[in-house]
Amino acid sequence: MTWNIPNNNYQELINWATSNKTRIRKHLNLLKRMRKGAVDKLIHALHEEAFDHINCLECGNCCGSLGPRITEKDIQVLTKSLGKNEEKIKRQYLKIDEDNDLIFNSLPCPFLNTNVTCSVYHDHPRACKTYPHTDQPNQVSLLTLMLKNSSICPAVAYITKSLVEKES
């Protein structure tokens, strides 16, 4: 099922997902009864469909509201990209969160430009590259995250809306 997204109005999808959390949760819980492979196939197909209509580079909601986990490998890549040493990167851009993970020290992301572009796009952290995780294997284990992300990412909102409308 294809949803019309007039003028790339991603906010309409986000608003729909935000106001339909209970319906989304119900449908995501139904997916837990399906075989993992079937869930992956369904979500992955909807992921492809969503990204046929949604361009991440026009949105930036994730960059503005989420703090991705930063790995040591991410730091090494950023040192080359920014021409700074690891300690300077850690001091200037990172902090340790309540789970003892390294994350950016500010929101929005310190590399998000005012025109919603990423100043380190070709070298951005792995967590940014894999977001919103709807193309990853074992989607059943990511359904709670999908519910949360449906209020942030228009592609996830599209996927969840498609699931709800398909079953209704």
N, C-alpha and C. Protein backbone atom coordinates (compact mmCIF):
# COMPACT_ATOMS: atom_id res chain seq x y z
N MET A 1 0.85 -1.17 0.00
CA MET A 1 0.00 0.00 0.00
C MET A 1 0.89 1.23 0.00
N THR A 2 0.68 2.13 -0.93
CA THR A 2 1.49 3.33 -1.05
C THR A 2 0.74 4.53 -0.52
N TRP A 3 1.39 5.28 0.34
CA TRP A 3 0.78 6.48 0.92
C TRP A 3 1.26 7.69 0.15
N ASN A 4 0.34 8.57 -0.15
CA ASN A 4 0.68 9.82 -0.80
C ASN A 4 1.30 10.75 0.24
N ILE A 5 2.48 11.23 -0.05
CA ILE A 5 3.16 12.16 0.86
C ILE A 5 3.30 13.48 0.11
N PRO A 6 2.27 14.35 0.21
CA PRO A 6 2.29 15.59 -0.56
C PRO A 6 3.43 16.51 -0.15
N ASN A 7 4.14 17.01 -1.15
CA ASN A 7 5.21 17.98 -0.91
C ASN A 7 6.19 17.53 0.17
N ASN A 8 6.46 16.23 0.19
CA ASN A 8 7.39 15.69 1.20
C ASN A 8 7.00 16.11 2.61
N ASN A 9 5.70 16.13 2.89
CA ASN A 9 5.24 16.54 4.21
C ASN A 9 5.38 15.38 5.20
N TYR A 10 6.60 15.19 5.63
CA TYR A 10 6.91 14.10 6.53
C TYR A 10 6.25 14.29 7.89
N GLN A 11 6.01 15.52 8.27
CA GLN A 11 5.42 15.79 9.58
C GLN A 11 4.03 15.17 9.71
N GLU A 12 3.29 15.09 8.62
CA GLU A 12 1.97 14.45 8.67
C GLU A 12 2.09 12.99 9.10
N LEU A 13 3.10 12.30 8.59
CA LEU A 13 3.33 10.91 8.98
C LEU A 13 3.70 10.81 10.46
N ILE A 14 4.57 11.69 10.90
CA ILE A 14 4.99 11.71 12.30
C ILE A 14 3.78 11.98 13.20
N ASN A 15 2.97 12.95 12.81
CA ASN A 15 1.77 13.27 13.60
C ASN A 15 0.83 12.08 13.67
N TRP A 16 0.66 11.39 12.53
CA TRP A 16 -0.21 10.21 12.52
C TRP A 16 0.32 9.17 13.51
N ALA A 17 1.61 8.88 13.42
CA ALA A 17 2.21 7.85 14.30
C ALA A 17 2.10 8.25 15.76
N THR A 18 2.34 9.50 16.05
CA THR A 18 2.28 9.98 17.44
C THR A 18 0.88 9.83 18.01
N SER A 19 -0.13 10.10 17.19
CA SER A 19 -1.51 10.02 17.69
C SER A 19 -2.10 8.62 17.60
N ASN A 20 -1.37 7.67 17.04
CA ASN A 20 -1.88 6.30 16.89
C ASN A 20 -0.99 5.26 17.56
N LYS A 21 -0.29 5.65 18.63
CA LYS A 21 0.64 4.74 19.32
C LYS A 21 -0.04 3.45 19.77
N THR A 22 -1.24 3.54 20.29
CA THR A 22 -1.94 2.35 20.78
C THR A 22 -2.23 1.38 19.64
N ARG A 23 -2.70 1.90 18.52
CA ARG A 23 -2.96 1.05 17.35
C ARG A 23 -1.67 0.42 16.82
N ILE A 24 -0.61 1.22 16.77
CA ILE A 24 0.67 0.70 16.29
C ILE A 24 1.16 -0.41 17.21
N ARG A 25 1.13 -0.16 18.52
CA ARG A 25 1.59 -1.16 19.50
C ARG A 25 0.83 -2.47 19.32
N LYS A 26 -0.49 -2.38 19.14
CA LYS A 26 -1.32 -3.57 18.94
C LYS A 26 -0.86 -4.36 17.71
N HIS A 27 -0.63 -3.67 16.62
CA HIS A 27 -0.22 -4.37 15.39
C HIS A 27 1.21 -4.91 15.49
N LEU A 28 2.07 -4.19 16.16
CA LEU A 28 3.43 -4.71 16.34
C LEU A 28 3.42 -5.94 17.23
N ASN A 29 2.55 -5.97 18.23
CA ASN A 29 2.43 -7.16 19.08
C ASN A 29 1.93 -8.36 18.29
N LEU A 30 1.07 -8.14 17.31
CA LEU A 30 0.61 -9.24 16.45
C LEU A 30 1.77 -9.83 15.65
N LEU A 31 2.72 -9.00 15.27
CA LEU A 31 3.87 -9.48 14.51
C LEU A 31 4.71 -10.47 15.31
N LYS A 32 4.68 -10.35 16.63
CA LYS A 32 5.47 -11.24 17.49
C LYS A 32 5.00 -12.69 17.38
N ARG A 33 3.79 -12.89 16.89
CA ARG A 33 3.25 -14.25 16.72
C ARG A 33 3.69 -14.89 15.40
N MET A 34 4.23 -14.08 14.52
CA MET A 34 4.65 -14.58 13.20
C MET A 34 6.07 -15.14 13.27
N ARG A 35 6.43 -15.91 12.26
CA ARG A 35 7.81 -16.40 12.15
C ARG A 35 8.74 -15.20 11.93
N LYS A 36 9.93 -15.28 12.51
CA LYS A 36 10.89 -14.18 12.38
C LYS A 36 11.18 -13.84 10.93
N GLY A 37 11.36 -14.86 10.11
CA GLY A 37 11.66 -14.63 8.70
C GLY A 37 10.53 -13.91 7.99
N ALA A 38 9.29 -14.25 8.34
CA ALA A 38 8.14 -13.60 7.72
C ALA A 38 8.05 -12.13 8.15
N VAL A 39 8.36 -11.87 9.40
CA VAL A 39 8.36 -10.49 9.90
C VAL A 39 9.44 -9.68 9.19
N ASP A 40 10.64 -10.26 9.09
CA ASP A 40 11.72 -9.57 8.38
C ASP A 40 11.32 -9.26 6.94
N LYS A 41 10.75 -10.24 6.26
CA LYS A 41 10.36 -10.05 4.86
C LYS A 41 9.35 -8.91 4.74
N LEU A 42 8.36 -8.88 5.62
CA LEU A 42 7.33 -7.85 5.61
C LEU A 42 7.92 -6.47 5.89
N ILE A 43 8.68 -6.36 6.97
CA ILE A 43 9.24 -5.06 7.37
C ILE A 43 10.26 -4.58 6.33
N HIS A 44 11.08 -5.48 5.82
CA HIS A 44 12.08 -5.08 4.83
C HIS A 44 11.42 -4.57 3.55
N ALA A 45 10.33 -5.20 3.14
CA ALA A 45 9.60 -4.74 1.94
C ALA A 45 9.02 -3.35 2.19
N LEU A 46 8.46 -3.13 3.37
CA LEU A 46 7.91 -1.82 3.70
C LEU A 46 9.01 -0.77 3.84
N HIS A 47 10.18 -1.19 4.32
CA HIS A 47 11.34 -0.30 4.40
C HIS A 47 11.69 0.20 3.00
N GLU A 48 11.79 -0.72 2.05
CA GLU A 48 12.11 -0.34 0.66
C GLU A 48 11.07 0.61 0.11
N GLU A 49 9.81 0.30 0.34
CA GLU A 49 8.71 1.14 -0.14
C GLU A 49 8.78 2.53 0.50
N ALA A 50 9.01 2.57 1.79
CA ALA A 50 9.09 3.86 2.49
C ALA A 50 10.19 4.73 1.91
N PHE A 51 11.36 4.13 1.69
CA PHE A 51 12.48 4.93 1.21
C PHE A 51 12.41 5.22 -0.29
N ASP A 52 11.43 4.64 -0.97
CA ASP A 52 11.14 5.08 -2.34
C ASP A 52 10.46 6.45 -2.31
N HIS A 53 9.85 6.80 -1.18
CA HIS A 53 9.09 8.04 -1.05
C HIS A 53 9.71 9.06 -0.10
N ILE A 54 10.61 8.61 0.74
CA ILE A 54 11.16 9.46 1.79
C ILE A 54 12.67 9.57 1.63
N ASN A 55 13.15 10.79 1.66
CA ASN A 55 14.58 11.05 1.55
C ASN A 55 15.10 11.52 2.91
N CYS A 56 15.89 10.69 3.54
CA CYS A 56 16.45 11.02 4.86
C CYS A 56 17.13 12.39 4.87
N LEU A 57 17.75 12.72 3.78
CA LEU A 57 18.53 13.96 3.74
C LEU A 57 17.65 15.21 3.72
N GLU A 58 16.34 15.03 3.65
CA GLU A 58 15.41 16.16 3.72
C GLU A 58 14.78 16.29 5.10
N CYS A 59 15.14 15.44 6.03
CA CYS A 59 14.44 15.37 7.31
C CYS A 59 15.31 15.83 8.47
N GLY A 60 16.18 14.97 8.95
CA GLY A 60 17.06 15.31 10.06
C GLY A 60 16.46 15.16 11.45
N ASN A 61 15.25 14.59 11.56
CA ASN A 61 14.65 14.43 12.89
C ASN A 61 15.54 13.60 13.81
N CYS A 62 16.12 12.53 13.28
CA CYS A 62 16.97 11.68 14.12
C CYS A 62 18.19 12.46 14.62
N CYS A 63 18.76 13.27 13.75
CA CYS A 63 19.93 14.06 14.11
C CYS A 63 19.60 15.12 15.16
N GLY A 64 18.35 15.54 15.16
CA GLY A 64 17.95 16.58 16.09
C GLY A 64 17.48 16.07 17.43
N SER A 65 17.14 14.77 17.51
CA SER A 65 16.52 14.30 18.75
C SER A 65 17.10 13.03 19.34
N LEU A 66 17.98 12.35 18.64
CA LEU A 66 18.54 11.10 19.16
C LEU A 66 20.04 11.22 19.36
N GLY A 67 20.54 10.54 20.37
CA GLY A 67 21.97 10.51 20.63
C GLY A 67 22.52 9.13 20.29
N PRO A 68 23.09 8.95 19.10
CA PRO A 68 23.59 7.63 18.73
C PRO A 68 24.78 7.22 19.58
N ARG A 69 24.92 5.91 19.78
CA ARG A 69 26.09 5.39 20.49
C ARG A 69 27.29 5.51 19.55
N ILE A 70 28.37 6.06 20.07
CA ILE A 70 29.58 6.28 19.29
C ILE A 70 30.62 5.24 19.71
N THR A 71 31.13 4.50 18.73
CA THR A 71 32.12 3.46 19.01
C THR A 71 33.54 4.01 18.84
N GLU A 72 34.50 3.24 19.30
CA GLU A 72 35.90 3.62 19.12
C GLU A 72 36.24 3.71 17.63
N LYS A 73 35.67 2.81 16.83
CA LYS A 73 35.89 2.86 15.38
C LYS A 73 35.32 4.16 14.80
N ASP A 74 34.14 4.57 15.27
CA ASP A 74 33.57 5.84 14.83
C ASP A 74 34.51 7.00 15.15
N ILE A 75 35.09 6.97 16.33
CA ILE A 75 36.01 8.03 16.74
C ILE A 75 37.23 8.06 15.83
N GLN A 76 37.76 6.88 15.52
CA GLN A 76 38.92 6.80 14.63
C GLN A 76 38.61 7.40 13.26
N VAL A 77 37.42 7.11 12.74
CA VAL A 77 37.01 7.65 11.44
C VAL A 77 36.87 9.17 11.53
N LEU A 78 36.26 9.65 12.62
CA LEU A 78 36.09 11.09 12.79
C LEU A 78 37.43 11.82 12.94
N THR A 79 38.42 11.18 13.55
CA THR A 79 39.73 11.83 13.69
C THR A 79 40.32 12.13 12.31
N LYS A 80 40.19 11.18 11.41
CA LYS A 80 40.70 11.39 10.04
C LYS A 80 39.87 12.44 9.32
N SER A 81 38.57 12.36 9.45
CA SER A 81 37.66 13.27 8.76
C SER A 81 37.83 14.72 9.23
N LEU A 82 37.98 14.89 10.54
CA LEU A 82 38.04 16.24 11.12
C LEU A 82 39.47 16.74 11.33
N GLY A 83 40.44 15.84 11.18
CA GLY A 83 41.83 16.24 11.39
C GLY A 83 42.14 16.58 12.83
N LYS A 84 41.48 15.89 13.76
CA LYS A 84 41.70 16.11 15.19
C LYS A 84 42.07 14.79 15.84
N ASN A 85 42.78 14.85 16.96
CA ASN A 85 43.12 13.60 17.64
C ASN A 85 41.93 13.09 18.46
N GLU A 86 42.02 11.83 18.88
CA GLU A 86 40.91 11.18 19.59
C GLU A 86 40.51 11.93 20.85
N GLU A 87 41.48 12.38 21.63
CA GLU A 87 41.16 13.09 22.87
C GLU A 87 40.40 14.38 22.60
N LYS A 88 40.81 15.09 21.57
CA LYS A 88 40.12 16.34 21.21
C LYS A 88 38.69 16.04 20.76
N ILE A 89 38.50 14.99 19.98
CA ILE A 89 37.14 14.59 19.53
C ILE A 89 36.29 14.27 20.77
N LYS A 90 36.83 13.46 21.67
CA LYS A 90 36.08 13.07 22.87
C LYS A 90 35.74 14.29 23.72
N ARG A 91 36.70 15.16 23.91
CA ARG A 91 36.50 16.34 24.75
C ARG A 91 35.50 17.32 24.12
N GLN A 92 35.61 17.52 22.82
CA GLN A 92 34.81 18.54 22.15
C GLN A 92 33.38 18.07 21.82
N TYR A 93 33.21 16.78 21.49
CA TYR A 93 31.93 16.33 20.95
C TYR A 93 31.20 15.25 21.74
N LEU A 94 31.87 14.57 22.66
CA LEU A 94 31.28 13.38 23.27
C LEU A 94 31.12 13.48 24.78
N LYS A 95 30.24 12.64 25.29
CA LYS A 95 30.07 12.48 26.73
C LYS A 95 29.67 11.03 26.98
N ILE A 96 29.74 10.61 28.24
CA ILE A 96 29.32 9.26 28.62
C ILE A 96 27.91 9.37 29.16
N ASP A 97 27.01 8.52 28.64
CA ASP A 97 25.61 8.57 29.09
C ASP A 97 25.38 7.66 30.29
N GLU A 98 24.12 7.55 30.70
CA GLU A 98 23.76 6.76 31.89
C GLU A 98 24.02 5.26 31.72
N ASP A 99 24.13 4.80 30.46
CA ASP A 99 24.45 3.39 30.20
C ASP A 99 25.95 3.17 30.01
N ASN A 100 26.74 4.21 30.27
CA ASN A 100 28.19 4.17 30.13
C ASN A 100 28.63 4.07 28.67
N ASP A 101 27.78 4.55 27.76
CA ASP A 101 28.11 4.59 26.33
C ASP A 101 28.55 6.00 25.97
N LEU A 102 29.40 6.10 24.96
CA LEU A 102 29.77 7.41 24.43
C LEU A 102 28.68 7.87 23.48
N ILE A 103 28.22 9.11 23.66
CA ILE A 103 27.24 9.72 22.77
C ILE A 103 27.67 11.16 22.52
N PHE A 104 27.04 11.82 21.55
CA PHE A 104 27.33 13.23 21.33
C PHE A 104 26.90 14.03 22.56
N ASN A 105 27.64 15.08 22.86
CA ASN A 105 27.38 15.85 24.07
C ASN A 105 26.28 16.89 23.90
N SER A 106 25.70 16.96 22.71
CA SER A 106 24.63 17.94 22.50
C SER A 106 23.62 17.42 21.48
N LEU A 107 22.42 17.94 21.61
CA LEU A 107 21.38 17.72 20.61
C LEU A 107 20.90 19.10 20.19
N PRO A 108 20.73 19.35 18.92
CA PRO A 108 20.94 18.39 17.85
C PRO A 108 22.41 17.99 17.73
N CYS A 109 22.64 17.01 16.91
CA CYS A 109 24.00 16.51 16.65
C CYS A 109 24.92 17.69 16.32
N PRO A 110 26.13 17.69 16.85
CA PRO A 110 27.05 18.80 16.58
C PRO A 110 27.45 18.91 15.11
N PHE A 111 27.18 17.87 14.32
CA PHE A 111 27.54 17.89 12.91
C PHE A 111 26.36 18.18 11.99
N LEU A 112 25.19 18.45 12.58
CA LEU A 112 24.01 18.78 11.79
C LEU A 112 24.06 20.26 11.44
N ASN A 113 24.08 20.53 10.15
CA ASN A 113 24.09 21.92 9.67
C ASN A 113 22.67 22.49 9.67
N THR A 114 22.57 23.80 9.60
CA THR A 114 21.25 24.45 9.63
C THR A 114 20.38 24.09 8.44
N ASN A 115 20.98 23.66 7.34
CA ASN A 115 20.20 23.25 6.17
C ASN A 115 19.91 21.74 6.19
N VAL A 116 19.99 21.13 7.35
CA VAL A 116 19.69 19.71 7.60
C VAL A 116 20.64 18.77 6.85
N THR A 117 21.85 19.23 6.60
CA THR A 117 22.87 18.34 6.05
C THR A 117 23.85 17.99 7.16
N CYS A 118 24.60 16.93 6.94
CA CYS A 118 25.57 16.46 7.92
C CYS A 118 26.97 16.84 7.45
N SER A 119 27.70 17.54 8.28
CA SER A 119 29.04 17.98 7.89
C SER A 119 30.04 16.82 7.83
N VAL A 120 29.68 15.66 8.38
CA VAL A 120 30.56 14.48 8.30
C VAL A 120 29.81 13.30 7.66
N TYR A 121 28.90 13.61 6.73
CA TYR A 121 28.01 12.58 6.18
C TYR A 121 28.75 11.33 5.70
N HIS A 122 29.83 11.49 4.97
CA HIS A 122 30.53 10.33 4.43
C HIS A 122 31.31 9.57 5.50
N ASP A 123 31.44 10.16 6.66
CA ASP A 123 32.16 9.53 7.76
C ASP A 123 31.33 9.48 9.04
N HIS A 124 30.01 9.56 8.91
CA HIS A 124 29.18 9.60 10.12
C HIS A 124 29.16 8.24 10.81
N PRO A 125 28.85 8.24 12.11
CA PRO A 125 28.91 7.01 12.92
C PRO A 125 28.02 5.88 12.38
N ARG A 126 28.41 4.67 12.70
CA ARG A 126 27.68 3.49 12.25
C ARG A 126 26.21 3.54 12.67
N ALA A 127 25.94 3.97 13.89
CA ALA A 127 24.55 4.03 14.37
C ALA A 127 23.72 4.96 13.49
N CYS A 128 24.33 6.01 12.97
CA CYS A 128 23.62 6.93 12.07
C CYS A 128 23.38 6.25 10.72
N LYS A 129 24.38 5.52 10.25
CA LYS A 129 24.26 4.84 8.95
C LYS A 129 23.16 3.78 8.96
N THR A 130 22.97 3.11 10.07
CA THR A 130 22.00 2.00 10.12
C THR A 130 20.61 2.43 10.56
N TYR A 131 20.46 3.67 11.03
CA TYR A 131 19.15 4.16 11.46
C TYR A 131 18.23 4.25 10.24
N PRO A 132 16.98 3.86 10.34
CA PRO A 132 16.17 3.54 11.51
C PRO A 132 16.11 2.04 11.84
N HIS A 133 17.02 1.27 11.31
CA HIS A 133 17.19 -0.15 11.64
C HIS A 133 16.09 -1.06 11.09
N THR A 134 15.24 -0.55 10.22
CA THR A 134 14.14 -1.34 9.68
C THR A 134 14.58 -2.25 8.53
N ASP A 135 15.84 -2.19 8.15
CA ASP A 135 16.36 -3.12 7.15
C ASP A 135 17.29 -4.16 7.78
N GLN A 136 17.37 -4.16 9.10
CA GLN A 136 18.22 -5.10 9.82
C GLN A 136 17.53 -6.45 9.98
N PRO A 137 18.29 -7.53 10.17
CA PRO A 137 17.67 -8.83 10.44
C PRO A 137 17.06 -8.86 11.85
N ASN A 138 16.20 -9.83 12.07
CA ASN A 138 15.56 -10.06 13.37
C ASN A 138 14.72 -8.87 13.83
N GLN A 139 13.82 -8.43 12.96
CA GLN A 139 12.95 -7.30 13.26
C GLN A 139 12.09 -7.52 14.50
N VAL A 140 11.75 -8.77 14.80
CA VAL A 140 10.93 -9.05 15.98
C VAL A 140 11.60 -8.47 17.23
N SER A 141 12.92 -8.54 17.30
CA SER A 141 13.63 -8.03 18.47
C SER A 141 13.71 -6.50 18.47
N LEU A 142 13.32 -5.87 17.37
CA LEU A 142 13.41 -4.41 17.25
C LEU A 142 12.05 -3.71 17.25
N LEU A 143 10.98 -4.45 17.54
CA LEU A 143 9.64 -3.87 17.45
C LEU A 143 9.40 -2.76 18.47
N THR A 144 9.94 -2.88 19.67
CA THR A 144 9.80 -1.81 20.67
C THR A 144 10.50 -0.55 20.19
N LEU A 145 11.67 -0.73 19.60
CA LEU A 145 12.41 0.40 19.04
C LEU A 145 11.63 1.01 17.87
N MET A 146 10.99 0.17 17.07
CA MET A 146 10.19 0.67 15.95
C MET A 146 9.06 1.56 16.46
N LEU A 147 8.42 1.15 17.52
CA LEU A 147 7.34 1.96 18.10
C LEU A 147 7.87 3.33 18.50
N LYS A 148 8.99 3.36 19.18
CA LYS A 148 9.60 4.63 19.59
C LYS A 148 9.98 5.47 18.37
N ASN A 149 10.63 4.84 17.41
CA ASN A 149 11.12 5.57 16.24
C ASN A 149 10.00 6.07 15.33
N SER A 150 8.80 5.51 15.46
CA SER A 150 7.70 5.95 14.60
C SER A 150 7.31 7.41 14.86
N SER A 151 7.66 7.94 16.02
CA SER A 151 7.38 9.34 16.32
C SER A 151 8.54 10.26 15.97
N ILE A 152 9.61 9.69 15.44
CA ILE A 152 10.80 10.46 15.09
C ILE A 152 11.07 10.41 13.60
N CYS A 153 10.99 9.23 13.03
CA CYS A 153 11.39 9.00 11.64
C CYS A 153 10.16 8.82 10.74
N PRO A 154 10.02 9.65 9.72
CA PRO A 154 8.87 9.50 8.83
C PRO A 154 8.85 8.16 8.10
N ALA A 155 10.00 7.56 7.84
CA ALA A 155 10.02 6.25 7.19
C ALA A 155 9.44 5.19 8.12
N VAL A 156 9.76 5.24 9.39
CA VAL A 156 9.20 4.29 10.35
C VAL A 156 7.72 4.56 10.54
N ALA A 157 7.33 5.83 10.55
CA ALA A 157 5.91 6.17 10.63
C ALA A 157 5.17 5.60 9.42
N TYR A 158 5.79 5.70 8.26
CA TYR A 158 5.21 5.14 7.02
C TYR A 158 5.04 3.63 7.16
N ILE A 159 6.07 2.96 7.65
CA ILE A 159 6.03 1.50 7.82
C ILE A 159 4.92 1.12 8.79
N THR A 160 4.87 1.79 9.93
CA THR A 160 3.85 1.43 10.94
C THR A 160 2.45 1.76 10.45
N LYS A 161 2.30 2.85 9.74
CA LYS A 161 0.98 3.20 9.18
C LYS A 161 0.57 2.15 8.16
N SER A 162 1.49 1.71 7.34
CA SER A 162 1.20 0.66 6.36
C SER A 162 0.77 -0.62 7.05
N LEU A 163 1.44 -0.99 8.13
CA LEU A 163 1.07 -2.19 8.89
C LEU A 163 -0.33 -2.07 9.47
N VAL A 164 -0.62 -0.94 10.08
CA VAL A 164 -1.93 -0.74 10.70
C VAL A 164 -3.03 -0.74 9.65
N GLU A 165 -2.83 -0.03 8.57
CA GLU A 165 -3.86 0.07 7.54
C GLU A 165 -4.04 -1.25 6.78
N LYS A 166 -2.97 -2.00 6.65
CA LYS A 166 -3.04 -3.30 5.96
C LYS A 166 -3.90 -4.28 6.75
N GLU A 167 -3.82 -4.21 8.07
CA GLU A 167 -4.53 -5.16 8.93
C GLU A 167 -5.94 -4.69 9.28
N SER A 168 -6.24 -3.43 9.04
CA SER A 168 -7.55 -2.89 9.43
C SER A 168 -8.62 -3.22 8.41
